[in-house]
N, C-alpha and C. Protein backbone atom coordinates (compact mmCIF):
# COMPACT_ATOMS: atom_id res chain seq x y z
N MET A 1 -40.53 -74.75 -3.20
CA MET A 1 -40.54 -73.24 -3.75
C MET A 1 -41.46 -73.58 -5.19
N LYS A 2 -42.28 -72.92 -5.48
CA LYS A 2 -42.89 -73.11 -6.90
C LYS A 2 -41.97 -72.36 -7.92
N ARG A 3 -41.89 -73.12 -9.02
CA ARG A 3 -40.74 -72.72 -10.20
C ARG A 3 -41.73 -72.62 -11.37
N GLU A 4 -41.25 -72.19 -12.49
CA GLU A 4 -41.88 -72.18 -13.80
C GLU A 4 -41.49 -73.72 -14.13
N LYS A 5 -42.73 -74.23 -14.74
CA LYS A 5 -42.59 -75.66 -15.31
C LYS A 5 -41.56 -76.05 -16.38
N PHE A 6 -40.54 -77.16 -16.42
CA PHE A 6 -39.72 -77.10 -17.51
C PHE A 6 -39.96 -78.29 -18.28
N THR A 7 -40.52 -78.09 -19.37
CA THR A 7 -40.98 -79.01 -20.42
C THR A 7 -40.19 -79.17 -21.60
N ILE A 8 -40.47 -78.14 -22.36
CA ILE A 8 -39.40 -77.75 -23.64
C ILE A 8 -39.10 -76.27 -23.71
N LEU A 9 -37.94 -76.30 -23.76
CA LEU A 9 -37.12 -75.07 -23.75
C LEU A 9 -36.68 -74.62 -24.97
N GLU A 10 -36.84 -73.72 -25.92
CA GLU A 10 -36.40 -73.52 -27.07
C GLU A 10 -35.88 -71.90 -27.03
N SER A 11 -34.61 -71.55 -27.19
CA SER A 11 -34.17 -70.39 -26.88
C SER A 11 -32.79 -70.39 -27.67
N THR A 12 -32.24 -68.92 -27.86
CA THR A 12 -31.09 -68.50 -28.37
C THR A 12 -30.15 -68.72 -27.33
N CYS A 13 -29.05 -68.77 -27.53
CA CYS A 13 -27.85 -69.25 -26.37
C CYS A 13 -26.76 -68.17 -26.47
N VAL A 14 -26.08 -68.29 -25.12
CA VAL A 14 -24.91 -67.66 -24.91
C VAL A 14 -23.76 -68.51 -25.02
N PRO A 15 -22.66 -68.32 -25.77
CA PRO A 15 -21.62 -69.15 -25.77
C PRO A 15 -20.36 -68.85 -24.77
N LEU A 16 -19.96 -69.63 -24.02
CA LEU A 16 -18.68 -69.18 -23.25
C LEU A 16 -17.97 -70.33 -22.90
N PRO A 17 -16.99 -70.47 -24.09
CA PRO A 17 -16.32 -72.00 -24.35
C PRO A 17 -14.98 -71.85 -23.64
N LEU A 18 -15.04 -71.94 -22.32
CA LEU A 18 -14.03 -71.90 -21.40
C LEU A 18 -14.14 -73.04 -20.45
N GLY A 19 -12.96 -73.95 -20.45
CA GLY A 19 -13.01 -75.01 -19.50
C GLY A 19 -12.75 -74.61 -18.14
N ASN A 20 -13.09 -75.40 -17.16
CA ASN A 20 -12.66 -75.44 -15.51
C ASN A 20 -13.29 -73.90 -15.02
N ILE A 21 -14.38 -73.36 -15.48
CA ILE A 21 -15.02 -72.24 -14.84
C ILE A 21 -15.55 -72.58 -13.51
N ASP A 22 -14.88 -71.91 -12.31
CA ASP A 22 -15.22 -72.46 -11.19
C ASP A 22 -16.22 -71.52 -10.38
N THR A 23 -16.74 -71.88 -9.28
CA THR A 23 -17.65 -71.07 -8.67
C THR A 23 -17.15 -69.71 -8.25
N ASP A 24 -15.92 -69.54 -7.96
CA ASP A 24 -15.57 -68.03 -7.68
C ASP A 24 -15.56 -67.06 -8.79
N GLN A 25 -15.36 -67.85 -10.10
CA GLN A 25 -15.59 -67.11 -10.95
C GLN A 25 -17.12 -66.71 -11.77
N ILE A 26 -17.66 -67.59 -11.30
CA ILE A 26 -19.32 -67.62 -11.65
C ILE A 26 -19.93 -66.24 -10.73
N ILE A 27 -19.65 -66.51 -9.24
CA ILE A 27 -19.87 -65.40 -8.62
C ILE A 27 -19.03 -65.32 -7.34
N PRO A 28 -18.05 -63.99 -7.43
CA PRO A 28 -17.06 -63.99 -6.80
C PRO A 28 -17.44 -63.98 -5.05
N ALA A 29 -16.43 -64.45 -4.20
CA ALA A 29 -16.87 -64.65 -2.86
C ALA A 29 -17.18 -63.53 -2.13
N ARG A 30 -16.81 -62.37 -2.68
CA ARG A 30 -17.04 -61.14 -1.91
C ARG A 30 -18.60 -60.81 -1.84
N PHE A 31 -19.12 -61.40 -2.85
CA PHE A 31 -20.63 -61.16 -2.90
C PHE A 31 -21.41 -62.27 -2.17
N LEU A 32 -21.12 -63.04 -1.28
CA LEU A 32 -21.77 -63.96 -0.74
C LEU A 32 -22.11 -63.51 0.78
N THR A 33 -22.84 -62.51 0.81
CA THR A 33 -23.15 -62.00 2.03
C THR A 33 -24.59 -61.95 2.56
N SER A 34 -25.40 -62.88 1.48
CA SER A 34 -26.90 -62.88 1.60
C SER A 34 -27.06 -64.51 1.51
N THR A 35 -28.19 -64.93 2.08
CA THR A 35 -28.88 -66.29 1.76
C THR A 35 -30.11 -66.19 1.14
N GLU A 36 -30.46 -64.97 0.72
CA GLU A 36 -31.64 -64.67 -0.15
C GLU A 36 -31.27 -64.85 -1.62
N ARG A 37 -32.06 -65.28 -2.37
CA ARG A 37 -31.76 -65.87 -3.82
C ARG A 37 -31.64 -64.66 -4.59
N GLU A 38 -32.26 -63.55 -4.26
CA GLU A 38 -32.17 -62.15 -5.35
C GLU A 38 -31.20 -61.70 -5.19
N GLY A 39 -30.99 -60.91 -6.41
CA GLY A 39 -29.86 -59.84 -6.77
C GLY A 39 -28.56 -60.56 -6.95
N PHE A 40 -28.34 -61.76 -7.22
CA PHE A 40 -26.95 -62.40 -7.78
C PHE A 40 -27.01 -62.22 -9.12
N GLY A 41 -28.12 -62.28 -10.21
CA GLY A 41 -27.92 -62.18 -11.55
C GLY A 41 -27.02 -61.03 -12.05
N GLU A 42 -27.07 -59.83 -11.47
CA GLU A 42 -26.25 -58.86 -11.99
C GLU A 42 -24.89 -59.01 -11.55
N LYS A 43 -24.59 -60.09 -10.87
CA LYS A 43 -23.14 -60.10 -10.50
C LYS A 43 -22.34 -61.43 -11.13
N LEU A 44 -23.28 -62.04 -11.68
CA LEU A 44 -22.81 -63.18 -12.64
C LEU A 44 -21.48 -62.84 -13.40
N PHE A 45 -20.58 -63.61 -13.30
CA PHE A 45 -19.18 -63.44 -13.99
C PHE A 45 -18.71 -62.01 -13.93
N CYS A 46 -18.81 -61.42 -12.66
CA CYS A 46 -18.65 -60.08 -12.52
C CYS A 46 -17.25 -59.39 -12.69
N ASP A 47 -16.17 -60.33 -12.50
CA ASP A 47 -14.76 -60.09 -12.77
C ASP A 47 -14.50 -60.09 -14.25
N TRP A 48 -15.21 -60.80 -14.98
CA TRP A 48 -15.05 -60.79 -16.20
C TRP A 48 -15.87 -59.74 -16.97
N ARG A 49 -16.97 -59.36 -16.56
CA ARG A 49 -18.14 -58.85 -17.22
C ARG A 49 -17.75 -57.14 -16.92
N TYR A 50 -17.24 -56.86 -15.63
CA TYR A 50 -16.97 -55.59 -15.43
C TYR A 50 -15.53 -55.26 -15.39
N ASP A 51 -14.89 -53.97 -15.53
CA ASP A 51 -13.56 -53.64 -15.30
C ASP A 51 -13.46 -53.06 -13.69
N SER A 52 -12.53 -52.58 -13.14
CA SER A 52 -12.25 -52.32 -12.01
C SER A 52 -13.08 -51.23 -11.52
N ASN A 53 -13.46 -50.36 -12.56
CA ASN A 53 -14.28 -49.14 -12.22
C ASN A 53 -15.83 -49.52 -12.44
N GLY A 54 -16.19 -50.80 -12.87
CA GLY A 54 -17.34 -51.22 -12.66
C GLY A 54 -18.10 -51.02 -14.02
N THR A 55 -17.24 -50.52 -15.01
CA THR A 55 -17.72 -50.29 -16.47
C THR A 55 -17.87 -51.72 -17.19
N PRO A 56 -18.89 -51.93 -17.99
CA PRO A 56 -18.95 -53.30 -18.66
C PRO A 56 -17.77 -53.14 -19.85
N VAL A 57 -17.25 -54.69 -19.64
CA VAL A 57 -16.30 -54.78 -20.51
C VAL A 57 -16.80 -55.44 -21.80
N PRO A 58 -16.80 -54.34 -23.13
CA PRO A 58 -17.38 -54.66 -24.25
C PRO A 58 -17.14 -56.04 -24.82
N GLY A 59 -15.97 -56.74 -24.67
CA GLY A 59 -15.91 -57.77 -25.53
C GLY A 59 -16.44 -59.09 -24.89
N PHE A 60 -16.75 -58.73 -23.58
CA PHE A 60 -17.12 -60.18 -22.96
C PHE A 60 -18.57 -60.42 -23.35
N VAL A 61 -18.94 -61.69 -23.40
CA VAL A 61 -20.39 -62.29 -23.92
C VAL A 61 -21.40 -61.85 -23.59
N LEU A 62 -21.40 -61.49 -22.11
CA LEU A 62 -22.90 -61.14 -21.72
C LEU A 62 -23.04 -59.80 -22.03
N ASN A 63 -21.94 -59.06 -22.32
CA ASN A 63 -22.22 -57.52 -22.58
C ASN A 63 -22.37 -57.26 -24.33
N ARG A 64 -22.38 -58.35 -24.91
CA ARG A 64 -22.57 -58.22 -26.32
C ARG A 64 -24.18 -58.44 -26.82
N PRO A 65 -24.83 -57.41 -27.11
CA PRO A 65 -25.97 -57.49 -27.41
C PRO A 65 -26.69 -58.68 -28.47
N GLU A 66 -25.69 -59.40 -29.20
CA GLU A 66 -26.05 -60.33 -30.31
C GLU A 66 -26.19 -61.70 -29.37
N TYR A 67 -25.98 -61.91 -28.46
CA TYR A 67 -25.81 -63.11 -27.46
C TYR A 67 -26.64 -62.87 -26.38
N ARG A 68 -27.82 -63.60 -26.52
CA ARG A 68 -29.12 -63.38 -25.59
C ARG A 68 -29.50 -64.78 -25.55
N GLY A 69 -30.27 -65.09 -24.41
CA GLY A 69 -31.29 -66.22 -24.45
C GLY A 69 -30.97 -66.87 -23.16
N LYS A 70 -31.72 -68.15 -23.00
CA LYS A 70 -31.91 -68.80 -21.74
C LYS A 70 -30.93 -69.85 -21.53
N ILE A 71 -30.02 -70.10 -22.57
CA ILE A 71 -29.26 -71.41 -22.51
C ILE A 71 -27.91 -70.90 -22.75
N LEU A 72 -27.11 -71.17 -21.47
CA LEU A 72 -25.69 -71.07 -21.33
C LEU A 72 -24.73 -72.16 -21.93
N ILE A 73 -23.82 -72.01 -23.05
CA ILE A 73 -23.10 -72.95 -23.72
C ILE A 73 -21.66 -72.95 -23.27
N THR A 74 -21.13 -73.73 -22.37
CA THR A 74 -19.71 -73.44 -21.83
C THR A 74 -18.97 -74.53 -21.97
N GLY A 75 -17.55 -74.84 -21.41
CA GLY A 75 -16.71 -75.44 -21.65
C GLY A 75 -16.73 -76.88 -20.37
N SER A 76 -15.80 -77.79 -20.35
CA SER A 76 -15.64 -78.91 -19.60
C SER A 76 -15.20 -78.43 -18.15
N ASN A 77 -16.12 -79.31 -17.15
CA ASN A 77 -16.03 -79.15 -15.97
C ASN A 77 -16.44 -77.63 -15.13
N PHE A 78 -17.51 -77.77 -15.67
CA PHE A 78 -18.14 -76.22 -15.51
C PHE A 78 -18.72 -76.38 -13.90
N GLY A 79 -18.45 -75.12 -13.15
CA GLY A 79 -19.07 -75.26 -11.64
C GLY A 79 -18.06 -75.97 -10.65
N CYS A 80 -16.83 -75.95 -11.26
CA CYS A 80 -15.80 -76.67 -10.13
C CYS A 80 -15.52 -75.90 -8.98
N GLY A 81 -14.67 -76.18 -8.05
CA GLY A 81 -14.28 -75.29 -6.96
C GLY A 81 -15.40 -75.67 -5.56
N SER A 82 -15.57 -74.24 -4.74
CA SER A 82 -16.10 -74.41 -3.94
C SER A 82 -17.59 -74.74 -4.13
N SER A 83 -18.59 -75.33 -2.81
CA SER A 83 -19.73 -75.85 -3.10
C SER A 83 -21.28 -74.73 -3.28
N ARG A 84 -20.58 -73.42 -3.33
CA ARG A 84 -21.74 -72.59 -3.25
C ARG A 84 -23.09 -72.54 -4.07
N GLU A 85 -24.06 -72.47 -3.37
CA GLU A 85 -25.32 -72.39 -4.12
C GLU A 85 -25.41 -71.40 -4.89
N HIS A 86 -24.93 -70.14 -4.08
CA HIS A 86 -25.04 -68.77 -4.93
C HIS A 86 -24.65 -68.90 -6.27
N ALA A 87 -23.76 -69.60 -6.95
CA ALA A 87 -23.34 -69.73 -8.21
C ALA A 87 -24.56 -70.07 -9.08
N VAL A 88 -25.31 -71.05 -8.69
CA VAL A 88 -26.42 -71.41 -9.27
C VAL A 88 -27.47 -70.17 -9.35
N TRP A 89 -27.61 -69.64 -8.21
CA TRP A 89 -28.72 -68.56 -8.05
C TRP A 89 -28.25 -67.18 -8.88
N ALA A 90 -26.91 -67.22 -9.11
CA ALA A 90 -26.37 -66.16 -9.99
C ALA A 90 -26.78 -66.23 -11.56
N ILE A 91 -26.78 -67.87 -11.93
CA ILE A 91 -27.10 -68.16 -13.19
C ILE A 91 -28.76 -67.98 -13.53
N THR A 92 -29.36 -68.50 -12.58
CA THR A 92 -30.70 -68.46 -12.89
C THR A 92 -31.09 -66.83 -12.58
N GLY A 93 -30.62 -66.49 -11.52
CA GLY A 93 -31.10 -64.71 -11.60
C GLY A 93 -30.66 -63.95 -12.82
N TYR A 94 -29.63 -64.40 -13.50
CA TYR A 94 -29.66 -63.73 -14.87
C TYR A 94 -30.51 -64.01 -15.77
N GLY A 95 -31.14 -65.37 -15.86
CA GLY A 95 -32.17 -65.66 -16.98
C GLY A 95 -32.05 -67.15 -17.41
N PHE A 96 -30.82 -67.60 -17.22
CA PHE A 96 -30.66 -68.69 -17.82
C PHE A 96 -31.43 -69.85 -17.03
N ARG A 97 -31.87 -71.01 -18.05
CA ARG A 97 -32.77 -72.07 -17.36
C ARG A 97 -31.89 -73.33 -17.66
N ALA A 98 -30.97 -73.19 -18.53
CA ALA A 98 -30.04 -74.63 -18.82
C ALA A 98 -28.64 -73.97 -19.05
N VAL A 99 -27.84 -75.17 -18.67
CA VAL A 99 -26.54 -74.82 -19.01
C VAL A 99 -25.83 -76.25 -19.51
N VAL A 100 -25.35 -75.78 -20.91
CA VAL A 100 -24.93 -77.09 -21.52
C VAL A 100 -23.23 -77.24 -21.68
N SER A 101 -22.94 -78.32 -21.20
CA SER A 101 -21.33 -78.77 -21.19
C SER A 101 -21.36 -80.18 -21.61
N ASP A 102 -20.03 -80.55 -21.53
CA ASP A 102 -19.89 -82.03 -21.72
C ASP A 102 -19.40 -82.54 -20.60
N SER A 103 -19.22 -81.70 -19.30
CA SER A 103 -19.14 -82.47 -18.04
C SER A 103 -19.22 -81.13 -16.94
N PHE A 104 -19.69 -81.62 -15.90
CA PHE A 104 -19.76 -80.70 -14.72
C PHE A 104 -19.66 -81.00 -13.52
N ALA A 105 -19.10 -80.03 -12.54
CA ALA A 105 -18.32 -80.47 -11.14
C ALA A 105 -19.75 -81.31 -10.40
N ASP A 106 -19.64 -82.40 -9.72
CA ASP A 106 -20.95 -83.18 -9.31
C ASP A 106 -21.55 -82.07 -8.19
N ILE A 107 -21.05 -81.42 -7.22
CA ILE A 107 -21.59 -80.65 -6.49
C ILE A 107 -22.50 -79.62 -7.15
N PHE A 108 -21.68 -78.80 -8.23
CA PHE A 108 -22.61 -78.15 -8.86
C PHE A 108 -23.88 -78.57 -9.68
N MET A 109 -23.58 -79.75 -10.20
CA MET A 109 -24.65 -80.37 -10.93
C MET A 109 -25.82 -80.49 -9.89
N ASN A 110 -25.60 -80.90 -8.81
CA ASN A 110 -26.59 -81.45 -7.70
C ASN A 110 -27.28 -79.86 -7.35
N ASN A 111 -26.72 -79.09 -6.96
CA ASN A 111 -26.99 -77.47 -6.77
C ASN A 111 -28.14 -77.06 -7.66
N ALA A 112 -27.49 -77.36 -9.04
CA ALA A 112 -28.53 -76.71 -10.07
C ALA A 112 -29.52 -77.40 -10.16
N LEU A 113 -29.80 -78.80 -10.08
CA LEU A 113 -30.89 -79.55 -10.23
C LEU A 113 -32.21 -78.99 -9.11
N ASN A 114 -31.38 -78.91 -7.81
CA ASN A 114 -32.22 -78.58 -6.77
C ASN A 114 -32.63 -77.31 -6.72
N ASN A 115 -32.10 -76.33 -7.46
CA ASN A 115 -32.42 -74.90 -7.85
C ASN A 115 -33.17 -74.63 -9.13
N GLY A 116 -33.71 -75.64 -9.68
CA GLY A 116 -34.43 -75.38 -10.89
C GLY A 116 -33.79 -75.09 -12.33
N LEU A 117 -32.35 -75.30 -11.99
CA LEU A 117 -31.21 -75.23 -13.32
C LEU A 117 -30.87 -76.48 -13.92
N LEU A 118 -31.29 -76.70 -15.25
CA LEU A 118 -31.00 -77.83 -15.90
C LEU A 118 -29.63 -77.96 -16.49
N PRO A 119 -28.85 -78.98 -15.95
CA PRO A 119 -27.19 -79.16 -16.67
C PRO A 119 -27.50 -80.32 -17.60
N VAL A 120 -27.21 -79.87 -18.89
CA VAL A 120 -27.30 -80.85 -20.02
C VAL A 120 -25.82 -81.32 -20.27
N VAL A 121 -25.73 -82.50 -20.27
CA VAL A 121 -24.31 -83.02 -20.65
C VAL A 121 -24.53 -83.70 -21.92
N ILE A 122 -23.66 -83.30 -23.10
CA ILE A 122 -23.48 -83.86 -24.48
C ILE A 122 -22.33 -84.31 -24.67
N PRO A 123 -22.02 -85.02 -25.62
CA PRO A 123 -20.82 -85.23 -26.10
C PRO A 123 -19.68 -84.00 -26.33
N SER A 124 -18.37 -84.28 -26.17
CA SER A 124 -17.47 -83.12 -26.56
C SER A 124 -17.64 -82.77 -27.88
N ASP A 125 -17.58 -83.69 -28.91
CA ASP A 125 -17.78 -83.21 -30.22
C ASP A 125 -18.84 -82.52 -30.73
N LEU A 126 -20.00 -82.89 -30.28
CA LEU A 126 -21.25 -82.16 -30.35
C LEU A 126 -21.16 -81.00 -29.80
N LEU A 127 -20.48 -80.76 -28.41
CA LEU A 127 -20.43 -79.43 -27.82
C LEU A 127 -19.81 -78.51 -28.55
N ALA A 128 -18.55 -79.00 -29.40
CA ALA A 128 -18.03 -78.04 -30.23
C ALA A 128 -18.72 -77.64 -31.23
N ARG A 129 -19.34 -78.42 -31.74
CA ARG A 129 -20.06 -78.02 -33.08
C ARG A 129 -20.94 -77.09 -32.68
N LEU A 130 -21.88 -77.43 -31.48
CA LEU A 130 -22.74 -76.43 -31.16
C LEU A 130 -22.11 -74.98 -30.79
N THR A 131 -21.11 -75.06 -30.11
CA THR A 131 -20.30 -73.63 -29.67
C THR A 131 -20.08 -72.80 -30.87
N ALA A 132 -19.57 -73.77 -31.89
CA ALA A 132 -19.07 -72.90 -33.32
C ALA A 132 -20.41 -72.41 -33.83
N LEU A 133 -21.43 -73.36 -33.94
CA LEU A 133 -22.65 -72.82 -34.88
C LEU A 133 -23.29 -71.51 -34.05
N VAL A 134 -23.35 -71.61 -32.67
CA VAL A 134 -23.93 -70.29 -31.94
C VAL A 134 -23.27 -69.24 -31.95
N THR A 135 -21.87 -69.44 -31.91
CA THR A 135 -20.90 -68.18 -32.16
C THR A 135 -20.93 -67.63 -33.31
N GLU A 136 -20.94 -68.23 -34.32
CA GLU A 136 -21.02 -67.91 -35.70
C GLU A 136 -22.27 -67.06 -36.04
N LYS A 137 -23.46 -67.63 -35.59
CA LYS A 137 -24.80 -67.53 -36.03
C LYS A 137 -25.54 -67.25 -34.56
N PRO A 138 -25.55 -66.04 -34.11
CA PRO A 138 -26.00 -65.81 -32.77
C PRO A 138 -27.52 -66.02 -32.52
N GLY A 139 -28.30 -65.96 -33.55
CA GLY A 139 -29.67 -65.78 -33.54
C GLY A 139 -30.17 -67.51 -33.61
N THR A 140 -29.44 -68.39 -33.42
CA THR A 140 -29.62 -69.90 -33.67
C THR A 140 -30.17 -70.61 -32.24
N LYS A 141 -31.55 -71.13 -32.64
CA LYS A 141 -32.35 -71.54 -31.51
C LYS A 141 -31.79 -72.99 -31.26
N ILE A 142 -32.04 -73.34 -29.87
CA ILE A 142 -31.63 -74.82 -29.44
C ILE A 142 -32.79 -75.18 -28.87
N SER A 143 -33.45 -76.32 -29.07
CA SER A 143 -34.47 -76.96 -27.96
C SER A 143 -33.93 -78.09 -27.11
N ILE A 144 -34.44 -78.01 -26.02
CA ILE A 144 -34.26 -78.70 -25.06
C ILE A 144 -35.49 -79.50 -24.37
N ASP A 145 -35.59 -80.62 -24.73
CA ASP A 145 -36.86 -81.52 -24.62
C ASP A 145 -36.58 -82.13 -23.28
N LEU A 146 -37.03 -81.94 -22.03
CA LEU A 146 -36.81 -82.44 -20.94
C LEU A 146 -37.44 -83.86 -20.95
N GLU A 147 -38.50 -83.73 -21.03
CA GLU A 147 -39.44 -85.06 -21.04
C GLU A 147 -38.66 -86.38 -21.49
N ASN A 148 -38.40 -85.82 -22.79
CA ASN A 148 -37.78 -86.78 -23.90
C ASN A 148 -36.11 -86.99 -23.72
N GLN A 149 -35.45 -86.20 -22.65
CA GLN A 149 -34.13 -85.82 -22.54
C GLN A 149 -33.37 -85.63 -23.98
N LEU A 150 -33.91 -84.75 -24.71
CA LEU A 150 -33.26 -84.69 -25.94
C LEU A 150 -32.98 -83.07 -26.15
N LEU A 151 -31.56 -82.83 -26.65
CA LEU A 151 -31.30 -81.27 -27.20
C LEU A 151 -31.23 -81.87 -28.73
N PHE A 152 -31.62 -80.50 -29.36
CA PHE A 152 -31.55 -80.76 -30.89
C PHE A 152 -31.71 -79.09 -31.15
N VAL A 153 -31.09 -79.11 -32.40
CA VAL A 153 -31.24 -77.75 -33.09
C VAL A 153 -32.18 -78.01 -34.27
N PRO A 154 -33.20 -77.41 -34.48
CA PRO A 154 -34.07 -77.79 -35.42
C PRO A 154 -33.29 -77.42 -36.87
N GLY A 155 -33.48 -78.09 -38.02
CA GLY A 155 -33.12 -77.93 -39.18
C GLY A 155 -31.46 -77.97 -39.41
N THR A 156 -30.94 -78.94 -38.22
CA THR A 156 -29.59 -79.07 -38.57
C THR A 156 -29.18 -80.32 -38.54
N GLY A 157 -29.89 -81.29 -38.03
CA GLY A 157 -29.64 -82.63 -37.64
C GLY A 157 -28.75 -82.91 -36.48
N LEU A 158 -28.36 -81.81 -35.88
CA LEU A 158 -27.59 -81.75 -34.43
C LEU A 158 -28.71 -82.11 -33.44
N GLN A 159 -28.37 -83.17 -32.89
CA GLN A 159 -29.22 -83.63 -31.73
C GLN A 159 -28.27 -84.49 -30.76
N SER A 160 -28.68 -84.73 -29.30
CA SER A 160 -28.17 -85.68 -28.42
C SER A 160 -29.11 -85.77 -27.43
N GLY A 161 -29.19 -87.07 -27.10
CA GLY A 161 -29.85 -87.38 -25.60
C GLY A 161 -28.81 -86.79 -24.51
N PHE A 162 -29.53 -86.77 -23.12
CA PHE A 162 -28.80 -86.35 -22.38
C PHE A 162 -29.15 -87.09 -20.89
N PRO A 163 -28.34 -87.51 -19.80
CA PRO A 163 -28.89 -88.14 -18.63
C PRO A 163 -29.52 -87.10 -17.72
N VAL A 164 -30.38 -87.31 -16.80
CA VAL A 164 -30.80 -86.35 -15.70
C VAL A 164 -31.48 -87.37 -14.64
N ASN A 165 -31.25 -86.96 -13.52
CA ASN A 165 -31.91 -87.89 -12.26
C ASN A 165 -33.19 -87.87 -12.40
N ALA A 166 -33.81 -89.12 -12.33
CA ALA A 166 -35.57 -89.17 -12.59
C ALA A 166 -36.23 -88.53 -11.74
N PHE A 167 -35.87 -88.35 -10.39
CA PHE A 167 -36.65 -87.56 -9.29
C PHE A 167 -36.55 -86.15 -9.65
N MET A 168 -35.55 -85.64 -9.79
CA MET A 168 -35.11 -84.30 -10.18
C MET A 168 -35.87 -83.79 -11.59
N LYS A 169 -35.86 -84.74 -12.47
CA LYS A 169 -36.57 -84.55 -13.80
C LYS A 169 -38.16 -84.17 -13.48
N GLU A 170 -38.51 -85.08 -12.49
CA GLU A 170 -40.15 -84.91 -12.13
C GLU A 170 -40.31 -83.58 -11.34
N CYS A 171 -39.58 -83.11 -10.58
CA CYS A 171 -39.44 -82.01 -9.89
C CYS A 171 -39.45 -80.64 -10.98
N LEU A 172 -38.50 -80.79 -11.92
CA LEU A 172 -38.47 -79.74 -12.65
C LEU A 172 -39.50 -79.68 -13.63
N MET A 173 -40.23 -80.89 -14.07
CA MET A 173 -41.37 -80.90 -15.00
C MET A 173 -42.44 -80.33 -14.22
N LYS A 174 -42.74 -80.56 -12.89
CA LYS A 174 -43.95 -80.20 -12.01
C LYS A 174 -43.63 -78.68 -11.69
N GLY A 175 -42.44 -78.26 -11.70
CA GLY A 175 -42.36 -76.72 -11.23
C GLY A 175 -42.32 -76.55 -9.63
N VAL A 176 -41.62 -77.74 -9.03
CA VAL A 176 -41.37 -77.66 -7.70
C VAL A 176 -40.10 -78.10 -7.43
N ASP A 177 -39.61 -77.68 -6.08
CA ASP A 177 -38.42 -78.40 -5.18
C ASP A 177 -38.92 -79.46 -4.79
N SER A 178 -37.60 -80.10 -4.48
CA SER A 178 -37.75 -81.69 -3.57
C SER A 178 -38.62 -81.66 -2.54
N ILE A 179 -38.67 -80.73 -1.73
CA ILE A 179 -39.51 -80.55 -0.49
C ILE A 179 -40.80 -80.30 -0.77
N ASP A 180 -41.14 -79.58 -1.61
CA ASP A 180 -42.68 -79.49 -2.25
C ASP A 180 -43.14 -80.68 -2.77
N TYR A 181 -42.33 -81.36 -3.47
CA TYR A 181 -42.96 -82.44 -4.04
C TYR A 181 -42.95 -83.62 -3.21
N LEU A 182 -42.19 -83.75 -2.01
CA LEU A 182 -42.63 -84.71 -0.84
C LEU A 182 -43.68 -84.07 -0.15
N LEU A 183 -43.84 -82.89 0.04
CA LEU A 183 -44.95 -82.27 0.89
C LEU A 183 -46.26 -82.67 0.17
N ALA A 184 -46.36 -82.85 -1.23
CA ALA A 184 -47.77 -82.79 -1.86
C ALA A 184 -47.87 -84.43 -1.60
N MET A 185 -47.18 -85.18 -1.13
CA MET A 185 -47.27 -86.73 -1.18
C MET A 185 -47.47 -87.04 0.38
N LYS A 186 -47.79 -86.16 1.40
CA LYS A 186 -47.96 -86.18 2.61
C LYS A 186 -48.95 -87.35 3.16
N GLU A 187 -50.35 -87.21 2.31
CA GLU A 187 -50.93 -88.18 2.56
C GLU A 187 -50.88 -89.73 2.17
N GLU A 188 -50.02 -89.97 1.13
CA GLU A 188 -49.65 -91.26 0.80
C GLU A 188 -48.37 -91.72 1.64
N ILE A 189 -47.61 -90.80 2.02
CA ILE A 189 -46.55 -91.10 2.96
C ILE A 189 -47.20 -91.37 4.34
N ALA A 190 -48.06 -90.88 4.89
CA ALA A 190 -48.87 -91.30 6.09
C ALA A 190 -49.60 -92.51 5.89
N ALA A 191 -50.01 -92.79 4.72
CA ALA A 191 -50.77 -94.01 4.49
C ALA A 191 -49.73 -95.16 4.58
N TYR A 192 -48.86 -95.19 4.06
CA TYR A 192 -47.76 -96.07 4.07
C TYR A 192 -47.20 -96.45 5.38
N GLU A 193 -47.12 -95.24 6.17
CA GLU A 193 -46.47 -95.50 7.67
C GLU A 193 -47.49 -96.10 8.42
N ARG A 194 -48.71 -95.95 8.10
CA ARG A 194 -50.02 -96.45 8.95
C ARG A 194 -49.79 -98.06 8.72
N THR A 195 -49.51 -98.48 7.51
CA THR A 195 -49.33 -99.68 7.01
C THR A 195 -48.28 -100.42 7.76
N ARG A 196 -47.02 -99.74 7.79
CA ARG A 196 -45.94 -100.39 8.38
C ARG A 196 -46.29 -100.52 9.77
N LYS A 197 -47.00 -99.71 10.53
CA LYS A 197 -47.18 -99.83 12.03
C LYS A 197 -48.32 -100.98 12.25
N GLY A 198 -49.25 -101.27 11.27
CA GLY A 198 -49.99 -102.31 11.51
C GLY A 198 -49.54 -103.59 11.36
């Protein structure tokens, strides 16, 4: 699947500083009725975002106009719980391209990378400072440089490197998923197989 290439993302952010946000909170199980990726963004954090009548909850961060952007900043152990890919589809469907935390559930992290969402792990102390800054100054922009694996806030001195799987990094930067990446190399793979048979 072709995607937008991820090189340097500069964006304002949405702070959601809660720990242990599980996949059922990200996208409630009652919405898992489709295997198509479209339409899940409007259900992101549905039970926090809307009341029982479907009315937006004014205080929830996604309903506050001052908080917008392509980067979600959240708490520890984000994406725990069941392994549903729909959680990532909801996050990307809303418009996020990266999630910043000090830790992610392993399955969520793999699902994120496989679906074009970059999970950025930074130290806890920096996450706390970043969350406070973005909460107090909603217009703050953060830059995420995937090639150099660096997150930084221009003009503040706040920055951190972050780890990322080398193969998935290559896929993100080329704007392809892992299957398309391998299909693009089919001639090289076939040539290698021929040498093995010889």
